[in-house]
């Protein structure tokens, strides 16, 4: 866990108004598939909250991270272009500059966000 501000993240993404919900995270430049976009940073918590990401880790079980950095604004999509592997957000496919970065929030969200399906 590192506390310094991630300048690489700032080069890859920006936070601005989202058509999905509130603020969103957008690619500043094209991102190839399989790229580490950034890490979800914040204190570990046991209680749910607006920006808590729940992680199911083989070694440590399930724990929450209360997001403090820009990645807390990543919105849900039924067909996302990124996925969290632990605390790391990885692109699932190429993401265009200016495209909103999204991930699937989990099975409770199945069927939500389908309006963007082709």
Protein backbone atom coordinates (compact mmCIF):
# COMPACT_ATOMS: atom_id res chain seq x y z
CA UNK A 1 0.00 0.00 0.00
CA UNK A 2 1.48 3.32 -0.99
CA UNK A 3 0.33 6.75 0.10
CA UNK A 4 2.03 9.01 -2.45
CA UNK A 5 -0.13 10.55 -5.15
CA UNK A 6 0.01 8.43 -8.29
CA UNK A 7 1.17 10.72 -11.10
CA UNK A 8 0.89 7.88 -13.64
CA UNK A 9 -2.82 7.71 -12.84
CA UNK A 10 -3.12 11.46 -13.53
CA UNK A 11 -1.51 10.94 -16.93
CA UNK A 12 -3.95 8.16 -17.83
CA UNK A 13 -7.25 9.43 -16.46
CA UNK A 14 -9.30 12.47 -15.54
CA UNK A 15 -12.45 12.83 -13.46
CA UNK A 16 -15.35 14.76 -14.96
CA UNK A 17 -19.14 14.72 -15.29
CA UNK A 18 -20.50 11.38 -16.42
CA UNK A 19 -23.62 10.58 -18.44
CA UNK A 20 -23.89 7.37 -16.35
CA UNK A 21 -23.92 8.90 -12.86
CA UNK A 22 -22.42 11.96 -11.17
CA UNK A 23 -18.70 12.05 -11.79
CA UNK A 24 -16.87 9.45 -13.84
CA UNK A 25 -13.34 8.46 -14.77
CA UNK A 26 -12.29 9.07 -18.38
CA UNK A 27 -9.20 8.04 -20.34
CA UNK A 28 -6.93 11.00 -21.15
CA UNK A 29 -5.25 8.96 -23.90
CA UNK A 30 -5.77 5.59 -25.56
CA UNK A 31 -5.22 2.65 -23.19
CA UNK A 32 -4.39 -0.78 -24.59
CA UNK A 33 -6.04 -3.99 -23.33
CA UNK A 34 -4.46 -5.55 -20.26
CA UNK A 35 -2.96 -2.32 -18.90
CA UNK A 36 -2.82 -1.50 -15.18
CA UNK A 37 -4.78 1.76 -14.99
CA UNK A 38 -4.20 2.28 -11.29
CA UNK A 39 -4.75 1.01 -7.76
CA UNK A 40 -7.79 1.66 -5.59
CA UNK A 41 -6.29 3.45 -2.61
CA UNK A 42 -7.75 4.05 0.81
CA UNK A 43 -8.08 2.63 4.31
CA UNK A 44 -9.37 -0.89 4.80
CA UNK A 45 -12.85 -0.98 6.31
CA UNK A 46 -15.38 -3.56 7.47
CA UNK A 47 -18.51 -1.50 6.77
CA UNK A 48 -19.99 -0.63 3.42
CA UNK A 49 -20.00 2.96 2.17
CA UNK A 50 -20.40 5.00 -0.99
CA UNK A 51 -16.85 4.39 -2.24
CA UNK A 52 -16.07 1.03 -0.63
CA UNK A 53 -14.66 -1.55 -3.04
CA UNK A 54 -15.07 -5.11 -1.71
CA UNK A 55 -12.18 -7.39 -2.50
CA UNK A 56 -12.21 -11.17 -2.18
CA UNK A 57 -8.63 -12.21 -1.70
CA UNK A 58 -7.52 -15.84 -1.35
CA UNK A 59 -4.99 -15.05 1.38
CA UNK A 60 -6.99 -12.49 3.35
CA UNK A 61 -10.64 -13.21 2.64
CA UNK A 62 -13.08 -10.40 1.92
CA UNK A 63 -12.23 -6.84 2.89
CA UNK A 64 -13.34 -3.36 1.91
CA UNK A 65 -11.23 -0.43 0.71
CA UNK A 66 -12.76 3.01 1.23
CA UNK A 67 -11.58 4.75 -1.92
CA UNK A 68 -9.66 8.01 -1.51
CA UNK A 69 -8.21 8.50 -4.99
CA UNK A 70 -9.77 9.21 -8.38
CA UNK A 71 -10.69 5.57 -9.00
CA UNK A 72 -13.53 5.93 -6.48
CA UNK A 73 -15.45 7.62 -9.31
CA UNK A 74 -15.36 4.63 -11.69
CA UNK A 75 -18.99 3.92 -12.66
CA UNK A 76 -20.78 0.62 -13.23
CA UNK A 77 -21.54 -0.76 -16.68
CA UNK A 78 -23.19 -4.01 -17.77
CA UNK A 79 -20.41 -4.43 -20.33
CA UNK A 80 -17.42 -2.71 -18.73
CA UNK A 81 -14.06 -1.92 -20.31
CA UNK A 82 -12.07 -2.51 -17.10
CA UNK A 83 -12.04 -4.86 -14.13
CA UNK A 84 -10.60 -4.84 -10.64
CA UNK A 85 -8.14 -7.63 -9.91
CA UNK A 86 -7.78 -7.12 -6.20
CA UNK A 87 -7.08 -3.40 -5.79
CA UNK A 88 -5.71 -3.03 -9.33
CA UNK A 89 -7.92 -1.71 -12.14
CA UNK A 90 -7.00 -3.45 -15.42
CA UNK A 91 -8.32 -2.56 -18.89
CA UNK A 92 -10.28 -5.46 -20.43
CA UNK A 93 -10.11 -4.10 -23.97
CA UNK A 94 -8.63 -1.09 -25.74
CA UNK A 95 -10.10 2.15 -24.35
CA UNK A 96 -10.22 5.25 -26.54
CA UNK A 97 -9.08 8.67 -25.41
CA UNK A 98 -12.07 10.44 -23.87
CA UNK A 99 -13.96 7.18 -23.23
CA UNK A 100 -15.41 6.62 -19.76
CA UNK A 101 -13.73 3.81 -17.83
CA UNK A 102 -16.26 1.44 -16.23
CA UNK A 103 -16.35 -1.83 -14.32
CA UNK A 104 -19.10 -4.27 -13.37
CA UNK A 105 -20.02 -3.71 -9.72
CA UNK A 106 -21.03 -7.35 -9.19
CA UNK A 107 -23.97 -9.71 -9.39
CA UNK A 108 -26.30 -7.37 -7.46
CA UNK A 109 -25.99 -5.05 -10.46
CA UNK A 110 -26.86 -7.60 -13.18
CA UNK A 111 -29.28 -6.03 -15.64
CA UNK A 112 -28.43 -2.47 -14.55
CA UNK A 113 -26.74 -0.35 -17.17
CA UNK A 114 -28.00 -2.48 -20.05
CA UNK A 115 -29.26 0.62 -21.88
CA UNK A 116 -25.85 0.92 -23.49
CA UNK A 117 -26.05 -2.58 -24.99
CA UNK A 118 -26.00 -2.58 -28.78
